[in-house]
Amino acid sequence: MNGLRVFAVALIVGGVLALAYGGFSYTKEETAAKIGSLELNVKEKKSINIPAWLGIAGIVGGVLVLVGARRR
């Protein structure tokens, strides 16, 4: 039962973070060309947006799991 509460709190925290930041970005490095010992690397910045409804669903789901864990 303790693990269920930890999962519920993680859902709530994840939902709050999703609403606060709205997404995240990262840099992907690829090798574009390699000729002998010469190598051309390309860095590409990618971003992933998290919809607001997903953050709200995480918060609501976490609260429901937390309430359900207390009733048991």
Protein backbone atom coordinates (compact mmCIF):
# COMPACT_ATOMS: atom_id res chain seq x y z
CA MET A 1 0.00 0.00 0.00
CA ASN A 2 2.90 2.37 0.60
CA GLY A 3 4.05 1.91 -2.99
CA LEU A 4 0.61 2.97 -4.21
CA ARG A 5 0.87 6.24 -2.31
CA VAL A 6 4.31 6.92 -3.77
CA PHE A 7 2.88 6.28 -7.26
CA ALA A 8 -0.01 8.68 -6.57
CA VAL A 9 2.32 11.44 -5.36
CA ALA A 10 4.55 10.89 -8.42
CA LEU A 11 1.51 11.31 -10.69
CA ILE A 12 0.55 14.54 -8.94
CA VAL A 13 4.08 15.95 -9.10
CA GLY A 14 4.39 14.95 -12.76
CA GLY A 15 1.09 16.64 -13.56
CA VAL A 16 2.11 19.85 -11.81
CA LEU A 17 5.45 19.89 -13.63
CA ALA A 18 3.72 19.27 -16.97
CA LEU A 19 1.45 22.26 -16.35
CA ALA A 20 4.29 24.47 -15.11
CA TYR A 21 6.78 23.80 -17.92
CA GLY A 22 4.56 22.66 -20.78
CA GLY A 23 7.30 20.49 -22.28
CA PHE A 24 11.01 19.95 -22.52
CA SER A 25 13.79 20.09 -25.10
CA TYR A 26 16.93 18.14 -25.79
CA THR A 27 19.86 18.20 -28.20
CA LYS A 28 20.43 15.30 -30.56
CA GLU A 29 23.87 14.89 -32.13
CA GLU A 30 24.26 12.97 -35.38
CA THR A 31 27.15 12.27 -37.71
CA ALA A 32 26.24 13.83 -41.06
CA ALA A 33 29.30 12.78 -43.04
CA LYS A 34 32.44 10.79 -42.42
CA ILE A 35 35.30 10.95 -44.91
CA GLY A 36 38.38 9.13 -43.71
CA SER A 37 39.35 10.61 -40.36
CA LEU A 38 37.27 13.74 -40.98
CA GLU A 39 33.86 13.66 -39.35
CA LEU A 40 31.02 16.19 -39.64
CA ASN A 41 28.65 16.28 -36.67
CA VAL A 42 25.30 18.04 -36.62
CA LYS A 43 23.53 19.10 -33.43
CA GLU A 44 19.77 19.35 -33.68
CA LYS A 45 17.63 20.82 -30.92
CA LYS A 46 14.29 19.05 -30.51
CA SER A 47 11.42 19.96 -28.24
CA ILE A 48 8.51 17.91 -26.95
CA ASN A 49 5.35 19.71 -25.87
CA ILE A 50 3.15 18.21 -23.18
CA PRO A 51 -0.54 19.10 -23.55
CA ALA A 52 -2.25 20.79 -20.62
CA TRP A 53 -4.96 18.12 -20.50
CA LEU A 54 -2.29 15.49 -19.82
CA GLY A 55 -0.99 17.43 -16.81
CA ILE A 56 -4.51 17.86 -15.47
CA ALA A 57 -5.23 14.16 -16.02
CA GLY A 58 -2.07 13.29 -14.07
CA ILE A 59 -3.10 15.43 -11.13
CA VAL A 60 -6.68 14.11 -11.09
CA GLY A 61 -5.49 10.51 -11.49
CA GLY A 62 -2.98 10.91 -8.67
CA VAL A 63 -5.61 12.35 -6.35
CA LEU A 64 -8.01 9.51 -7.18
CA VAL A 65 -5.34 6.87 -6.53
CA LEU A 66 -4.37 8.60 -3.27
CA VAL A 67 -7.99 8.71 -2.09
CA GLY A 68 -8.49 5.10 -3.13
CA ALA A 69 -5.37 4.04 -1.22
CA ARG A 70 -6.63 5.70 1.96
CA ARG A 71 -9.96 3.88 1.84
CA ARG A 72 -8.28 0.46 1.82
